[in-house]
Structure formats: structure tokens, C-alpha cells
N, C-alpha and C. Protein backbone atom coordinates (compact mmCIF):
# COMPACT_ATOMS: atom_id res chain seq x y z
N MET A 1 -80.54 54.35 59.22
CA MET A 1 -80.08 52.85 58.67
C MET A 1 -78.64 52.58 59.77
N THR A 2 -78.33 51.61 60.15
CA THR A 2 -77.18 51.16 60.51
C THR A 2 -75.81 51.23 59.79
N VAL A 3 -74.85 51.31 60.25
CA VAL A 3 -73.25 51.29 59.73
C VAL A 3 -73.12 50.26 58.67
N PHE A 4 -73.73 49.14 59.16
CA PHE A 4 -73.68 47.90 58.20
C PHE A 4 -74.66 47.95 56.86
N GLU A 5 -75.74 48.31 57.30
CA GLU A 5 -76.64 48.69 56.21
C GLU A 5 -76.14 49.85 55.38
N LYS A 6 -75.56 50.69 55.40
CA LYS A 6 -74.76 51.84 55.07
C LYS A 6 -73.60 51.24 54.08
N MET A 7 -73.31 50.28 54.78
CA MET A 7 -71.90 49.62 54.22
C MET A 7 -72.56 48.69 53.04
N LEU A 8 -73.57 48.33 52.79
CA LEU A 8 -73.64 47.19 52.11
C LEU A 8 -74.61 48.09 51.18
N ALA A 9 -74.87 49.47 51.22
CA ALA A 9 -75.64 49.91 50.33
C ALA A 9 -74.58 50.95 49.56
N GLY A 10 -73.32 50.62 49.79
CA GLY A 10 -72.62 51.25 48.82
C GLY A 10 -72.38 52.90 49.38
N GLY A 11 -71.17 53.27 48.74
CA GLY A 11 -71.00 55.06 48.54
C GLY A 11 -70.03 55.20 49.46
N VAL A 12 -69.51 56.44 50.01
CA VAL A 12 -68.70 56.95 51.00
C VAL A 12 -69.52 56.82 52.54
N ILE A 13 -68.91 56.23 53.64
CA ILE A 13 -68.84 56.50 54.43
C ILE A 13 -67.82 57.13 55.41
N ALA A 14 -67.97 58.14 56.25
CA ALA A 14 -66.75 58.51 56.87
C ALA A 14 -66.18 57.80 58.12
N ASN A 15 -64.93 58.50 58.15
CA ASN A 15 -64.10 57.52 58.81
C ASN A 15 -64.69 58.12 60.17
N THR A 16 -65.19 59.50 60.56
CA THR A 16 -65.45 59.68 61.85
C THR A 16 -66.98 59.63 61.67
N ASP A 17 -67.61 58.61 61.19
CA ASP A 17 -69.00 58.17 61.63
C ASP A 17 -69.00 57.69 63.00
N PRO A 18 -69.84 57.87 64.16
CA PRO A 18 -69.48 57.43 65.20
C PRO A 18 -70.08 55.64 65.48
N GLU A 19 -70.81 55.11 64.48
CA GLU A 19 -71.02 53.86 64.16
C GLU A 19 -69.42 53.07 63.73
N MET A 20 -68.62 53.73 63.89
CA MET A 20 -67.42 52.97 63.16
C MET A 20 -66.46 51.82 63.65
N ARG A 21 -67.16 52.45 65.31
CA ARG A 21 -66.68 51.44 66.69
C ARG A 21 -67.37 50.18 66.30
N ALA A 22 -68.31 50.15 66.27
CA ALA A 22 -68.73 48.75 65.60
C ALA A 22 -68.28 47.78 64.49
N VAL A 23 -68.04 48.44 63.55
CA VAL A 23 -66.75 47.95 62.41
C VAL A 23 -65.87 47.77 63.02
N TRP A 24 -64.91 48.28 63.72
CA TRP A 24 -63.31 47.65 64.14
C TRP A 24 -64.01 46.80 65.33
N GLU A 25 -65.18 46.45 66.10
CA GLU A 25 -64.72 45.51 66.83
C GLU A 25 -65.40 44.20 66.06
N VAL A 26 -66.21 43.73 65.08
CA VAL A 26 -66.12 42.88 64.29
C VAL A 26 -64.52 42.57 63.69
N VAL A 27 -64.08 43.92 62.95
CA VAL A 27 -62.80 43.31 62.41
C VAL A 27 -61.65 42.53 63.66
N GLN A 28 -61.81 43.24 64.71
CA GLN A 28 -61.32 42.76 65.95
C GLN A 28 -61.76 41.43 65.99
N ARG A 29 -62.81 41.04 65.94
CA ARG A 29 -63.05 39.64 66.24
C ARG A 29 -62.78 38.57 64.94
N THR A 30 -62.66 39.29 64.02
CA THR A 30 -62.53 38.62 62.39
C THR A 30 -60.71 38.30 62.50
N ILE A 31 -59.98 38.96 62.94
CA ILE A 31 -58.67 38.72 63.18
C ILE A 31 -58.39 37.67 63.94
N GLU A 32 -59.14 37.67 65.20
CA GLU A 32 -58.76 36.63 66.10
C GLU A 32 -59.33 35.22 65.41
N LEU A 33 -60.44 35.16 65.03
CA LEU A 33 -60.82 34.30 64.28
C LEU A 33 -60.05 33.59 62.99
N SER A 34 -59.53 34.47 62.31
CA SER A 34 -58.33 34.17 61.30
C SER A 34 -57.68 33.66 61.26
N ALA A 35 -56.74 33.75 62.43
CA ALA A 35 -55.28 32.53 63.01
C ALA A 35 -56.04 31.23 63.11
N ARG A 36 -57.18 30.82 64.12
CA ARG A 36 -57.85 29.56 63.93
C ARG A 36 -58.12 29.22 62.57
N LEU A 37 -58.71 29.80 61.46
CA LEU A 37 -58.86 29.35 60.23
C LEU A 37 -57.60 29.01 59.53
N ASN A 38 -56.45 29.83 59.41
CA ASN A 38 -56.04 29.19 58.73
C ASN A 38 -54.66 28.69 59.76
N SER A 39 -54.83 28.03 60.67
CA SER A 39 -54.10 27.26 61.44
C SER A 39 -54.90 25.54 61.36
N ALA A 40 -56.13 25.61 60.63
CA ALA A 40 -57.16 24.67 60.57
C ALA A 40 -56.19 23.36 60.02
N THR A 41 -57.02 22.28 60.10
CA THR A 41 -56.37 20.94 59.41
C THR A 41 -56.81 19.91 58.67
N THR A 42 -58.59 20.52 58.45
CA THR A 42 -59.59 19.81 57.59
C THR A 42 -60.20 20.89 57.14
N ILE A 43 -60.84 20.26 56.13
CA ILE A 43 -61.66 21.24 55.02
C ILE A 43 -62.98 21.42 55.99
N ALA A 44 -63.65 20.68 56.98
CA ALA A 44 -64.95 20.57 57.67
C ALA A 44 -64.05 21.70 59.07
N GLN A 45 -62.77 21.85 59.33
CA GLN A 45 -62.65 22.61 60.16
C GLN A 45 -62.17 24.34 59.44
N ILE A 46 -62.17 24.21 58.80
CA ILE A 46 -61.94 25.80 57.59
C ILE A 46 -63.56 25.84 57.63
N ARG A 47 -64.25 25.38 57.35
CA ARG A 47 -65.79 25.29 56.87
C ARG A 47 -66.41 26.12 58.39
N HIS A 48 -66.27 25.26 59.31
CA HIS A 48 -66.54 25.82 60.64
C HIS A 48 -66.49 27.57 60.97
N VAL A 49 -65.11 27.25 60.92
CA VAL A 49 -64.06 28.47 61.41
C VAL A 49 -64.83 30.17 60.70
N LEU A 50 -64.45 29.38 59.42
CA LEU A 50 -65.13 30.72 58.39
C LEU A 50 -66.71 31.33 58.63
N SER A 51 -67.33 29.96 58.32
CA SER A 51 -68.85 30.30 59.17
C SER A 51 -68.71 30.98 60.25
N GLN A 52 -67.62 30.68 61.17
CA GLN A 52 -68.16 32.02 61.95
C GLN A 52 -67.34 33.16 61.68
N ILE A 53 -66.86 33.25 61.20
CA ILE A 53 -66.33 34.63 60.41
C ILE A 53 -67.63 35.07 59.79
N ILE A 54 -68.32 34.72 59.01
CA ILE A 54 -68.74 35.29 57.55
C ILE A 54 -70.27 35.29 58.84
N ASN A 55 -70.83 34.35 59.90
CA ASN A 55 -71.72 34.87 60.75
C ASN A 55 -73.08 33.86 59.61
N LYS A 56 -72.67 33.00 58.77
CA LYS A 56 -73.40 32.40 58.30
C LYS A 56 -73.04 31.28 57.94
N PRO A 57 -74.13 30.11 57.82
CA PRO A 57 -73.45 28.74 57.33
C PRO A 57 -72.88 28.87 56.10
N ILE A 58 -71.68 27.79 55.78
CA ILE A 58 -70.94 27.98 54.62
C ILE A 58 -71.66 26.39 53.98
N PRO A 59 -71.93 25.97 52.59
CA PRO A 59 -72.28 25.07 52.44
C PRO A 59 -71.59 23.64 52.59
N SER A 60 -72.07 22.77 52.68
CA SER A 60 -70.77 21.35 52.80
C SER A 60 -70.28 21.34 51.52
N SER A 61 -71.18 21.71 50.38
CA SER A 61 -70.77 21.28 48.75
C SER A 61 -69.32 22.51 48.53
N THR A 62 -69.05 23.34 49.21
CA THR A 62 -68.42 24.74 49.42
C THR A 62 -66.77 23.96 49.91
N ARG A 63 -65.62 24.53 49.20
CA ARG A 63 -64.53 24.31 49.35
C ARG A 63 -63.39 25.36 49.61
N ILE A 64 -62.79 25.42 50.98
CA ILE A 64 -61.97 26.94 50.73
C ILE A 64 -60.46 25.88 51.13
N PHE A 65 -59.48 26.77 50.85
CA PHE A 65 -58.23 26.14 51.06
C PHE A 65 -57.40 27.55 52.00
N ILE A 66 -56.78 27.14 52.75
CA ILE A 66 -56.00 28.36 53.58
C ILE A 66 -54.90 27.93 52.34
N PRO A 67 -54.06 29.62 53.15
CA PRO A 67 -54.49 30.70 53.46
C PRO A 67 -55.73 31.35 53.03
N PHE A 68 -56.69 31.62 53.78
CA PHE A 68 -57.55 32.77 53.60
C PHE A 68 -57.43 33.73 54.10
N HIS A 69 -58.02 35.53 53.98
CA HIS A 69 -57.53 36.24 54.42
C HIS A 69 -58.79 36.84 54.11
N THR A 70 -59.80 37.55 55.20
CA THR A 70 -60.72 38.29 54.87
C THR A 70 -60.22 39.78 55.96
N ASN A 71 -60.83 40.98 56.07
CA ASN A 71 -60.34 42.10 57.34
C ASN A 71 -61.77 41.96 57.92
N PHE A 72 -63.22 41.47 57.05
CA PHE A 72 -64.36 42.01 57.71
C PHE A 72 -65.31 40.52 58.48
N GLY A 73 -65.35 39.77 56.60
CA GLY A 73 -65.66 38.45 56.87
C GLY A 73 -67.66 38.66 56.90
N GLN A 74 -67.88 39.34 57.36
CA GLN A 74 -69.81 39.17 57.59
C GLN A 74 -70.34 39.56 56.53
N HIS A 75 -69.37 40.19 55.77
CA HIS A 75 -70.48 40.32 54.28
C HIS A 75 -70.09 40.03 53.37
N ILE A 76 -69.72 38.68 53.30
CA ILE A 76 -69.37 37.62 52.07
C ILE A 76 -70.32 36.22 52.20
N THR A 77 -71.53 36.71 50.90
CA THR A 77 -72.50 35.22 51.05
C THR A 77 -71.67 34.37 50.18
N LEU A 78 -71.51 33.13 50.25
CA LEU A 78 -70.98 31.67 49.21
C LEU A 78 -72.49 30.80 49.32
N GLY A 79 -72.30 30.26 47.41
CA GLY A 79 -73.15 29.83 47.04
C GLY A 79 -73.03 28.40 47.18
N GLU A 80 -73.49 27.29 46.77
CA GLU A 80 -72.96 26.23 46.32
C GLU A 80 -72.13 25.46 45.76
N ASN A 81 -71.02 24.55 45.84
CA ASN A 81 -70.58 23.90 45.20
C ASN A 81 -69.38 24.92 44.92
N VAL A 82 -69.24 25.73 45.87
CA VAL A 82 -68.12 27.04 45.49
C VAL A 82 -66.91 26.55 46.05
N PHE A 83 -65.66 26.84 45.35
CA PHE A 83 -64.40 26.29 45.07
C PHE A 83 -63.23 27.72 45.28
N ILE A 84 -62.83 27.87 46.80
CA ILE A 84 -61.76 28.72 46.78
C ILE A 84 -60.06 28.30 47.27
N ASN A 85 -59.35 28.62 45.74
CA ASN A 85 -58.28 27.97 46.46
C ASN A 85 -57.40 28.66 47.22
N HIS A 86 -56.02 28.71 47.38
CA HIS A 86 -55.51 29.22 48.36
C HIS A 86 -54.99 30.51 48.11
N GLY A 87 -54.85 31.37 49.49
CA GLY A 87 -54.16 32.15 49.28
C GLY A 87 -54.89 33.66 48.80
N CYS A 88 -56.10 33.66 48.47
CA CYS A 88 -57.07 34.85 48.55
C CYS A 88 -57.22 35.49 49.40
N SER A 89 -57.62 36.84 49.16
CA SER A 89 -57.63 38.24 50.36
C SER A 89 -59.00 38.46 49.58
N PHE A 90 -60.14 38.45 50.63
CA PHE A 90 -61.84 39.34 50.55
C PHE A 90 -61.60 40.44 51.31
N LEU A 91 -61.47 41.55 50.52
CA LEU A 91 -61.60 42.99 51.15
C LEU A 91 -63.42 43.31 51.16
N ASP A 92 -64.02 42.59 52.21
CA ASP A 92 -66.05 42.31 51.74
C ASP A 92 -66.49 43.74 52.97
N LEU A 93 -65.83 44.56 52.86
CA LEU A 93 -66.99 45.85 53.65
C LEU A 93 -68.17 46.22 52.88
N GLY A 94 -67.70 46.34 51.56
CA GLY A 94 -69.11 46.38 50.83
C GLY A 94 -69.75 45.58 50.38
N GLY A 95 -69.52 44.25 50.54
CA GLY A 95 -70.10 43.04 50.03
C GLY A 95 -69.73 42.56 49.30
N ILE A 96 -69.52 41.14 49.55
CA ILE A 96 -69.10 40.16 48.31
C ILE A 96 -70.16 39.07 48.10
N THR A 97 -70.89 38.91 47.27
CA THR A 97 -71.66 37.42 46.68
C THR A 97 -71.20 36.48 45.74
N ILE A 98 -70.73 35.34 46.12
CA ILE A 98 -70.29 34.20 44.89
C ILE A 98 -71.22 33.58 45.02
N GLU A 99 -72.16 33.48 43.62
CA GLU A 99 -73.07 32.30 43.40
C GLU A 99 -72.35 30.75 42.92
N ASP A 100 -73.61 30.00 42.95
CA ASP A 100 -73.09 28.96 42.77
C ASP A 100 -72.13 28.25 41.96
N ASP A 101 -71.64 27.49 42.16
CA ASP A 101 -70.56 26.62 41.07
C ASP A 101 -69.23 27.35 40.78
N VAL A 102 -69.24 28.33 41.76
CA VAL A 102 -68.09 29.46 41.18
C VAL A 102 -66.60 28.86 41.35
N LEU A 103 -65.50 29.23 40.82
CA LEU A 103 -64.28 28.80 41.13
C LEU A 103 -63.71 30.15 41.11
N ILE A 104 -62.70 29.54 42.12
CA ILE A 104 -61.79 30.87 42.68
C ILE A 104 -60.33 30.42 42.69
N GLY A 105 -59.07 30.51 41.76
CA GLY A 105 -58.04 30.68 41.71
C GLY A 105 -57.15 30.95 42.64
N PRO A 106 -55.95 30.55 42.91
CA PRO A 106 -55.37 30.40 44.05
C PRO A 106 -54.76 32.41 43.97
N LYS A 107 -54.34 33.30 45.05
CA LYS A 107 -54.27 34.46 45.24
C LYS A 107 -54.99 35.60 45.04
N VAL A 108 -56.19 35.01 44.39
CA VAL A 108 -57.32 35.72 44.06
C VAL A 108 -57.60 37.17 45.41
N ASN A 109 -57.82 38.50 44.58
CA ASN A 109 -58.39 39.55 45.74
C ASN A 109 -59.35 40.19 45.07
N ILE A 110 -60.62 39.84 45.98
CA ILE A 110 -62.09 40.65 45.44
C ILE A 110 -61.92 41.81 46.74
N ILE A 111 -61.88 43.13 46.57
CA ILE A 111 -61.89 44.58 46.64
C ILE A 111 -63.16 45.02 46.79
N THR A 112 -63.62 45.55 47.78
CA THR A 112 -65.05 46.06 47.28
C THR A 112 -64.54 47.44 48.44
N GLU A 113 -63.44 47.75 48.51
CA GLU A 113 -63.15 49.08 49.39
C GLU A 113 -62.36 49.86 48.71
N ASN A 114 -62.62 51.55 48.94
CA ASN A 114 -61.43 52.28 48.18
C ASN A 114 -61.59 53.75 48.77
N HIS A 115 -60.92 54.85 48.79
CA HIS A 115 -61.18 55.78 49.54
C HIS A 115 -61.20 56.90 48.40
N PRO A 116 -61.61 57.80 48.88
CA PRO A 116 -61.93 58.96 47.71
C PRO A 116 -60.75 59.56 47.95
N ILE A 117 -60.60 60.30 46.61
CA ILE A 117 -59.35 61.29 45.78
C ILE A 117 -58.90 61.97 46.56
N ASP A 118 -59.90 63.07 47.39
CA ASP A 118 -59.81 64.49 48.39
C ASP A 118 -58.79 63.88 49.49
N PRO A 119 -57.87 64.12 49.68
CA PRO A 119 -56.58 64.05 50.64
C PRO A 119 -57.52 64.51 52.12
N ALA A 120 -58.24 65.46 52.24
CA ALA A 120 -59.13 65.93 53.50
C ALA A 120 -59.97 64.76 53.81
N ASN A 121 -60.53 63.93 52.68
CA ASN A 121 -61.62 62.48 53.37
C ASN A 121 -61.14 61.21 52.84
N ARG A 122 -59.96 61.41 52.68
CA ARG A 122 -58.93 59.95 52.36
C ARG A 122 -59.31 58.85 52.84
N LYS A 123 -58.96 59.06 54.43
CA LYS A 123 -59.40 57.59 55.16
C LYS A 123 -60.92 57.60 55.61
N SER A 124 -61.88 58.17 54.99
CA SER A 124 -63.24 57.51 54.63
C SER A 124 -63.21 56.11 53.76
N LEU A 125 -64.23 55.56 53.54
CA LEU A 125 -64.22 54.50 52.65
C LEU A 125 -65.34 54.41 51.86
N ASP A 126 -65.04 54.46 50.51
CA ASP A 126 -65.85 54.61 49.81
C ASP A 126 -65.92 53.05 49.34
N LEU A 127 -67.13 52.47 49.19
CA LEU A 127 -67.66 51.04 49.21
C LEU A 127 -68.63 51.04 47.98
N ALA A 128 -68.60 49.48 47.43
CA ALA A 128 -69.33 49.03 46.33
C ALA A 128 -69.57 47.56 46.40
N LYS A 129 -70.08 46.43 46.30
CA LYS A 129 -70.27 45.20 46.18
C LYS A 129 -69.93 44.65 44.91
N VAL A 130 -69.07 43.37 45.16
CA VAL A 130 -68.99 42.63 44.11
C VAL A 130 -69.52 41.49 44.43
N VAL A 131 -69.93 41.29 42.53
CA VAL A 131 -71.13 40.00 42.38
C VAL A 131 -70.10 38.96 41.58
N ILE A 132 -70.43 37.55 41.81
CA ILE A 132 -69.58 36.96 40.99
C ILE A 132 -70.85 35.63 40.79
N LYS A 133 -71.26 35.92 39.01
CA LYS A 133 -72.67 35.06 38.92
C LYS A 133 -72.12 33.78 39.03
N GLN A 134 -73.26 32.71 38.82
CA GLN A 134 -73.09 31.31 39.03
C GLN A 134 -72.64 30.89 37.76
N ASN A 135 -71.34 30.00 38.06
CA ASN A 135 -70.42 29.28 37.48
C ASN A 135 -69.37 29.88 36.72
N ALA A 136 -69.13 31.52 37.57
CA ALA A 136 -67.70 31.64 36.83
C ALA A 136 -66.53 31.43 37.33
N TRP A 137 -65.68 31.90 36.69
CA TRP A 137 -64.10 31.30 36.79
C TRP A 137 -63.43 32.56 36.96
N ILE A 138 -62.74 32.64 38.01
CA ILE A 138 -61.70 33.51 38.16
C ILE A 138 -59.87 32.94 38.38
N GLY A 139 -59.11 33.14 37.44
CA GLY A 139 -57.64 32.70 37.13
C GLY A 139 -57.19 33.11 38.08
N ALA A 140 -55.61 32.52 38.70
CA ALA A 140 -55.05 33.00 39.24
C ALA A 140 -54.24 34.46 39.29
N GLY A 141 -54.66 34.84 40.79
CA GLY A 141 -53.61 35.88 41.20
C GLY A 141 -54.61 37.14 40.21
N ALA A 142 -56.07 37.29 40.03
CA ALA A 142 -56.88 38.12 39.55
C ALA A 142 -57.14 38.90 40.13
N THR A 143 -57.43 40.54 40.12
CA THR A 143 -57.85 40.96 41.07
C THR A 143 -59.35 41.59 40.65
N LEU A 144 -60.50 41.65 41.57
CA LEU A 144 -61.53 42.56 41.33
C LEU A 144 -61.83 43.58 41.91
N LEU A 145 -62.21 45.17 41.16
CA LEU A 145 -62.06 45.87 41.90
C LEU A 145 -63.86 46.13 42.43
N PRO A 146 -63.62 47.29 43.57
CA PRO A 146 -64.99 47.53 43.70
C PRO A 146 -66.12 47.82 42.61
N GLY A 147 -67.44 46.95 43.12
CA GLY A 147 -68.69 47.30 41.93
C GLY A 147 -68.74 46.86 40.86
N VAL A 148 -67.94 45.64 40.70
CA VAL A 148 -67.93 44.78 39.48
C VAL A 148 -69.12 43.35 39.66
N THR A 149 -69.44 43.36 38.69
CA THR A 149 -69.92 42.12 38.78
C THR A 149 -69.66 41.03 37.47
N ILE A 150 -69.07 40.10 37.87
CA ILE A 150 -69.06 38.73 37.05
C ILE A 150 -69.76 38.24 36.32
N GLY A 151 -70.33 37.94 34.93
CA GLY A 151 -71.50 36.97 34.66
C GLY A 151 -71.23 35.95 34.90
N LYS A 152 -72.81 35.32 34.20
CA LYS A 152 -72.74 33.96 34.46
C LYS A 152 -72.02 33.51 33.14
N ASN A 153 -71.25 32.24 33.80
CA ASN A 153 -70.26 31.69 33.03
C ASN A 153 -69.38 32.28 32.66
N SER A 154 -68.82 33.25 33.00
CA SER A 154 -67.76 34.37 32.49
C SER A 154 -66.15 33.54 33.47
N ILE A 155 -65.08 34.08 32.30
CA ILE A 155 -64.05 33.53 32.69
C ILE A 155 -63.14 34.54 32.73
N VAL A 156 -62.54 35.23 34.38
CA VAL A 156 -61.51 36.08 34.44
C VAL A 156 -59.79 35.46 34.37
N ALA A 157 -58.78 35.91 33.07
CA ALA A 157 -57.86 35.25 32.97
C ALA A 157 -57.21 35.81 34.10
N ALA A 158 -56.14 34.48 34.37
CA ALA A 158 -55.01 34.88 35.33
C ALA A 158 -54.53 36.48 35.37
N GLY A 159 -54.15 36.82 36.45
CA GLY A 159 -53.44 38.19 36.59
C GLY A 159 -54.36 39.47 36.24
N ALA A 160 -55.42 39.28 35.55
CA ALA A 160 -56.42 40.17 35.18
C ALA A 160 -56.89 41.03 36.07
N VAL A 161 -57.08 42.68 36.02
CA VAL A 161 -57.64 43.63 36.85
C VAL A 161 -59.40 43.83 36.33
N VAL A 162 -59.97 43.73 37.21
CA VAL A 162 -61.30 43.70 36.31
C VAL A 162 -61.73 44.95 37.23
N THR A 163 -62.38 46.30 35.66
CA THR A 163 -62.46 47.29 36.45
C THR A 163 -64.07 47.96 36.28
N LYS A 164 -64.63 46.89 35.92
CA LYS A 164 -65.92 47.21 35.29
C LYS A 164 -66.71 45.82 34.88
N ASP A 165 -68.02 45.84 35.13
CA ASP A 165 -68.62 44.50 34.85
C ASP A 165 -68.38 43.82 33.89
N VAL A 166 -68.43 42.34 33.69
CA VAL A 166 -68.20 41.25 33.01
C VAL A 166 -69.47 40.73 32.41
N PRO A 167 -69.70 40.48 31.71
CA PRO A 167 -71.00 40.05 30.68
C PRO A 167 -70.77 38.58 30.90
N ASP A 168 -71.85 38.02 31.02
CA ASP A 168 -72.44 37.14 31.20
C ASP A 168 -71.52 36.04 29.56
N ASN A 169 -70.96 34.72 29.57
CA ASN A 169 -70.70 34.15 29.18
C ASN A 169 -68.99 34.41 27.88
N THR A 170 -68.58 35.44 28.72
CA THR A 170 -67.32 36.46 28.14
C THR A 170 -66.01 35.78 29.06
N ILE A 171 -65.07 35.78 28.32
CA ILE A 171 -63.58 35.80 28.27
C ILE A 171 -63.14 37.43 28.71
N VAL A 172 -62.45 37.63 30.02
CA VAL A 172 -61.62 38.86 29.83
C VAL A 172 -60.33 38.35 30.27
N GLY A 173 -59.14 39.28 30.23
CA GLY A 173 -57.78 39.37 30.45
C GLY A 173 -57.24 40.82 30.34
N GLY A 174 -56.34 41.10 31.13
CA GLY A 174 -55.54 41.89 30.90
C GLY A 174 -55.74 42.75 32.02
N VAL A 175 -54.48 44.01 31.75
CA VAL A 175 -54.61 45.20 32.62
C VAL A 175 -55.38 46.48 32.12
N PRO A 176 -55.97 47.05 32.33
CA PRO A 176 -56.99 46.46 33.28
C PRO A 176 -57.87 45.33 31.78
N ALA A 177 -58.69 44.57 32.49
CA ALA A 177 -59.10 43.22 31.97
C ALA A 177 -59.94 44.29 30.25
N GLN A 178 -59.75 43.36 29.44
CA GLN A 178 -60.49 43.48 28.19
C GLN A 178 -61.18 42.34 27.79
N ILE A 179 -62.10 42.45 27.04
CA ILE A 179 -63.28 41.53 26.56
C ILE A 179 -61.90 40.30 25.46
N ILE A 180 -61.36 39.31 25.30
CA ILE A 180 -61.19 38.56 24.80
C ILE A 180 -61.94 37.20 23.82
N ARG A 181 -63.14 37.09 24.64
CA ARG A 181 -64.04 36.25 23.93
C ARG A 181 -65.20 36.57 24.44
N ASN A 182 -66.22 36.09 23.50
CA ASN A 182 -68.22 36.43 23.77
C ASN A 182 -68.57 35.06 23.56
N ASN A 183 -69.86 34.94 24.13
CA ASN A 183 -70.46 33.40 23.90
C ASN A 183 -69.42 31.85 23.54
N ILE A 184 -69.28 32.24 24.90
CA ILE A 184 -68.32 30.70 24.97
C ILE A 184 -69.41 30.01 25.47
């Protein structure tokens, strides 16, 4: 299993793993491409450069506003008709999947990376995928933490911090996010 496969499988990857060098090479490439991304002047340019960062095509129906930040990029998957507003940050080493028709408000943070509690092992990575299901809406300034799934048609209120899965057709809000309403 390569380090990239281990990352997507989730769990702890030691910072001493000899394959981490390959990860840092991708990170360096992403840093270089991010400067081009965040100086783009058209949606088409944004889509083109971001597709280079994530290493796969972005559907023409998907729109991303800059600035947009990612530390890795190649573990992001974007569906059709997705909208990502200004100032979002995706830490995607563990994998981020955004299905069709998702709306993501400004300044949303999607984080798939954590570190072990043990100080002796703290520089290692503890990774878990984030999935946002079809037609979900993530409100401005929300933070999605490692390992969560946002259910189909669900809404995460502005400023919420999501620490556990959100069922389909549910509104959550608060810190930590709690269910506000079901069966929307």
C-alpha cells in the first residue's frame, strides 16, 4: 500500500514514514499552483488551475470562487453543479468527497487531518475522510472535522463545528453542532 493509499484508508501515518517525501512533493506542487489559482481572473481559469491541483477534471457546472486554499489537493473529488464560495480552506490529506449540487458558503473549513494526543507521536497524521452528500448546504464559516459525513439535503448552519455525522434531511448548528430540525 502506498502512502497515498494509506492516507485515503485513514488512520495514523507516522511522520517518519519514508514515503512522506512523496507527500511533501505534492504539497510543494500545490503551493506553486495555488499562487496561480488565487490570481486567476475568470471562473474558467479557476476551474483549469484547480483541476491541475486536484489532478482530475472539474465539471463545467461546478463553480469555485477565490481565494481557495488546499494543502494537498489530490484527494479532493468534486461533483456536478457544486458551488464553493470565497475563502474556503480544504485540508484534504484524508480525502474530501463533495457530491452533486452541494453549496458551500464563504470561509468554510473542511479538515481531514488531526494529530495523535500522545506528545511523542504528535507530529504524525491521523486522517479521516469527509463526505458531503448530494444537495447539502454548508453555511458560512462552518468547520467540518475529520471523519464526518454530511447527509443528503442536509444543512450545516453558519459557524457550526461538525464533529459527528449529520443524517440526511437534517439541519445542524452550534459548537459542537447539534440537530436543530429533522425531515426538512
